[in-house]
Amino acid sequence: MIINTKILDIEVLAEKIRELKSQGRIVVHCHGCFDLMHPGHIKHFQEARGMGDVLIVTVTPDRYVDKGPGRPAFNQDLRAESIAALECVNFVAINKWPTAEATLRLLRPDIYAKGQEFENLEDKTGKIQKEHDVIREIGANIRFTHGIVFSSTRLLNTYFRQ
């Protein structure tokens, strides 16, 4: 088994972020399911990394993935390992909660990066609005990437569920 030093327990990551911020580093945070790693995710992470000094990614745990039956296609450990393999990502943690709100309060990033599909602060789940409220509460900024957009759900349904 390979031990990946980029994958941390979320409380350990919170401590690491406090240390990095005390050194004046700008911490950027991406959060999501990231069930099927695709070019859109990679471009999103690369662009988000360019917004600051350190990129952290948190992954929705299996039990809270609400993408439909049979999801996630890949378990939380595989999703975290896949993201950690990317050069642009500094640290990865598996979230403990169903949404990013408590995670944002714990980690307190400088920038929360989401894809352009959330730029109008609307989604069918209402999660982005709640996350935006927490971002304002903790004094961080929300920024949006503008790369290629794919839907993991659509890709899985089109190519793998036939």
Protein backbone atom coordinates (compact mmCIF):
# COMPACT_ATOMS: atom_id res chain seq x y z
CA MET A 1 0.00 0.00 0.00
CA ILE A 2 1.29 3.44 -0.95
CA ILE A 3 1.02 6.06 1.76
CA ASN A 4 0.04 9.40 0.30
CA THR A 5 1.27 12.35 2.35
CA LYS A 6 -1.09 14.69 0.51
CA ILE A 7 -4.21 13.01 1.95
CA LEU A 8 -4.87 14.24 5.47
CA ASP A 9 -7.56 13.82 8.09
CA ILE A 10 -9.73 16.92 7.94
CA GLU A 11 -8.73 18.10 11.45
CA VAL A 12 -5.04 17.67 10.55
CA LEU A 13 -5.70 19.63 7.36
CA ALA A 14 -7.29 22.43 9.41
CA GLU A 15 -4.11 22.65 11.51
CA LYS A 16 -1.96 22.63 8.37
CA ILE A 17 -4.02 25.47 6.89
CA ARG A 18 -3.61 27.57 10.05
CA GLU A 19 0.14 27.04 9.79
CA LEU A 20 0.23 27.97 6.09
CA LYS A 21 -1.90 31.08 6.60
CA SER A 22 0.35 32.20 9.47
CA GLN A 23 3.17 32.14 6.90
CA GLY A 24 1.17 34.47 4.67
CA ARG A 25 0.19 31.76 2.17
CA ILE A 26 -3.14 32.15 0.33
CA VAL A 27 -5.18 28.96 0.66
CA VAL A 28 -7.68 28.02 -2.06
CA HIS A 29 -10.32 25.37 -1.36
CA CYS A 30 -12.32 23.25 -3.81
CA HIS A 31 -15.04 20.91 -2.59
CA GLY A 32 -17.21 18.36 -4.32
CA CYS A 33 -18.02 14.75 -5.08
CA PHE A 34 -15.51 14.40 -7.96
CA ASP A 35 -16.94 10.97 -8.67
CA LEU A 36 -15.57 10.50 -12.17
CA MET A 37 -12.32 12.40 -12.64
CA HIS A 38 -12.48 14.12 -16.02
CA PRO A 39 -10.71 16.97 -17.86
CA GLY A 40 -13.18 19.52 -16.49
CA HIS A 41 -12.16 18.68 -12.92
CA ILE A 42 -8.47 18.83 -13.77
CA LYS A 43 -8.83 22.22 -15.50
CA HIS A 44 -10.90 23.48 -12.53
CA PHE A 45 -8.18 22.44 -10.07
CA GLN A 46 -5.42 23.95 -12.21
CA GLU A 47 -7.22 27.28 -12.51
CA ALA A 48 -8.11 27.28 -8.80
CA ARG A 49 -4.46 26.61 -7.90
CA GLY A 50 -3.53 29.75 -9.82
CA MET A 51 -5.73 31.83 -7.49
CA GLY A 52 -3.44 31.31 -4.51
CA ASP A 53 -0.39 29.58 -3.07
CA VAL A 54 -1.89 26.32 -1.82
CA LEU A 55 -4.78 24.25 -3.20
CA ILE A 56 -6.76 22.01 -0.89
CA VAL A 57 -9.58 19.77 -2.07
CA THR A 58 -12.23 18.16 0.10
CA VAL A 59 -14.26 15.21 -1.14
CA THR A 60 -17.86 14.39 -0.24
CA PRO A 61 -17.91 11.10 1.70
CA ASP A 62 -19.66 8.13 0.09
CA ARG A 63 -22.59 8.15 2.52
CA TYR A 64 -23.54 11.74 1.55
CA VAL A 65 -23.23 11.52 -2.22
CA ASP A 66 -26.70 12.39 -3.52
CA LYS A 67 -26.22 11.83 -7.25
CA GLY A 68 -28.66 8.94 -7.59
CA PRO A 69 -28.64 5.15 -7.35
CA GLY A 70 -25.30 3.41 -7.73
CA ARG A 71 -23.34 6.54 -6.90
CA PRO A 72 -20.65 7.22 -6.19
CA ALA A 73 -19.15 5.09 -8.93
CA PHE A 74 -15.80 5.31 -7.14
CA ASN A 75 -15.43 5.18 -3.35
CA GLN A 76 -14.17 8.13 -1.33
CA ASP A 77 -10.65 6.73 -0.93
CA LEU A 78 -10.19 6.23 -4.67
CA ARG A 79 -11.58 9.69 -5.38
CA ALA A 80 -9.21 11.26 -2.82
CA GLU A 81 -6.22 9.31 -4.20
CA SER A 82 -7.03 10.35 -7.77
CA ILE A 83 -7.18 14.01 -6.82
CA ALA A 84 -4.01 13.77 -4.71
CA ALA A 85 -2.18 12.38 -7.76
CA LEU A 86 -2.57 15.74 -9.50
CA GLU A 87 0.48 17.99 -9.33
CA CYS A 88 -1.59 21.15 -8.83
CA VAL A 89 -3.27 19.82 -5.65
CA ASN A 90 -1.37 20.26 -2.39
CA PHE A 91 -3.67 18.49 0.07
CA VAL A 92 -6.86 16.40 0.03
CA ALA A 93 -9.25 15.43 2.81
CA ILE A 94 -12.48 13.49 2.94
CA ASN A 95 -15.24 15.66 4.34
CA LYS A 96 -17.18 14.43 7.39
CA TRP A 97 -20.44 16.24 6.73
CA PRO A 98 -23.13 16.12 4.02
CA THR A 99 -22.29 19.64 2.78
CA ALA A 100 -19.29 21.97 2.73
CA GLU A 101 -20.66 24.43 5.30
CA ALA A 102 -19.06 22.90 8.43
CA THR A 103 -15.94 22.17 6.39
CA LEU A 104 -15.59 25.82 5.39
CA ARG A 105 -16.01 26.90 9.01
CA LEU A 106 -13.32 24.42 10.11
CA LEU A 107 -10.79 25.03 7.33
CA ARG A 108 -11.35 28.78 6.84
CA PRO A 109 -9.72 29.07 3.40
CA ASP A 110 -8.94 32.45 1.88
CA ILE A 111 -10.68 31.55 -1.38
CA TYR A 112 -13.42 29.03 -2.12
CA ALA A 113 -13.29 28.07 -5.80
CA LYS A 114 -16.31 26.72 -7.64
CA GLY A 115 -16.97 26.09 -11.31
CA GLN A 116 -18.67 28.64 -13.54
CA GLU A 117 -21.91 26.64 -13.46
CA PHE A 118 -22.40 27.98 -9.89
CA GLU A 119 -21.60 31.62 -10.67
CA ASN A 120 -25.24 32.74 -10.40
CA LEU A 121 -25.26 31.20 -6.89
CA GLU A 122 -28.07 28.85 -7.83
CA ASP A 123 -28.23 25.08 -7.95
CA LYS A 124 -31.10 22.64 -7.59
CA THR A 125 -29.90 21.51 -4.14
CA GLY A 126 -29.53 25.00 -2.63
CA LYS A 127 -26.06 24.08 -1.34
CA ILE A 128 -24.16 26.86 -3.13
CA GLN A 129 -26.29 29.55 -1.51
CA LYS A 130 -25.58 28.15 1.95
CA GLU A 131 -21.87 27.84 1.15
CA HIS A 132 -21.84 31.45 -0.04
CA ASP A 133 -23.37 32.58 3.27
CA VAL A 134 -20.63 30.73 5.19
CA ILE A 135 -17.92 32.22 2.96
CA ARG A 136 -19.14 35.70 3.91
CA GLU A 137 -19.41 34.67 7.57
CA ILE A 138 -15.76 33.54 7.74
CA GLY A 139 -14.45 36.50 5.74
CA ALA A 140 -13.27 34.50 2.73
CA ASN A 141 -13.92 35.08 -0.97
CA ILE A 142 -15.72 32.90 -3.48
CA ARG A 143 -14.24 32.80 -6.97
CA PHE A 144 -15.27 30.92 -10.07
CA THR A 145 -13.22 29.04 -12.64
CA HIS A 146 -14.14 29.36 -16.30
CA GLY A 147 -12.76 26.28 -17.99
CA ILE A 148 -14.35 23.30 -19.67
CA VAL A 149 -17.51 22.10 -17.92
CA PHE A 150 -18.56 18.46 -17.95
CA SER A 151 -21.10 16.63 -15.84
CA SER A 152 -19.85 13.42 -14.22
CA THR A 153 -23.47 12.26 -13.95
CA ARG A 154 -24.08 12.82 -17.66
CA LEU A 155 -20.79 11.13 -18.59
CA LEU A 156 -21.53 8.12 -16.39
CA ASN A 157 -25.08 7.81 -17.72
CA THR A 158 -24.03 8.22 -21.35
CA TYR A 159 -20.93 6.06 -21.46
CA PHE A 160 -21.02 3.64 -18.56
CA ARG A 161 -24.67 2.87 -17.73
CA GLN A 162 -25.74 1.53 -21.15
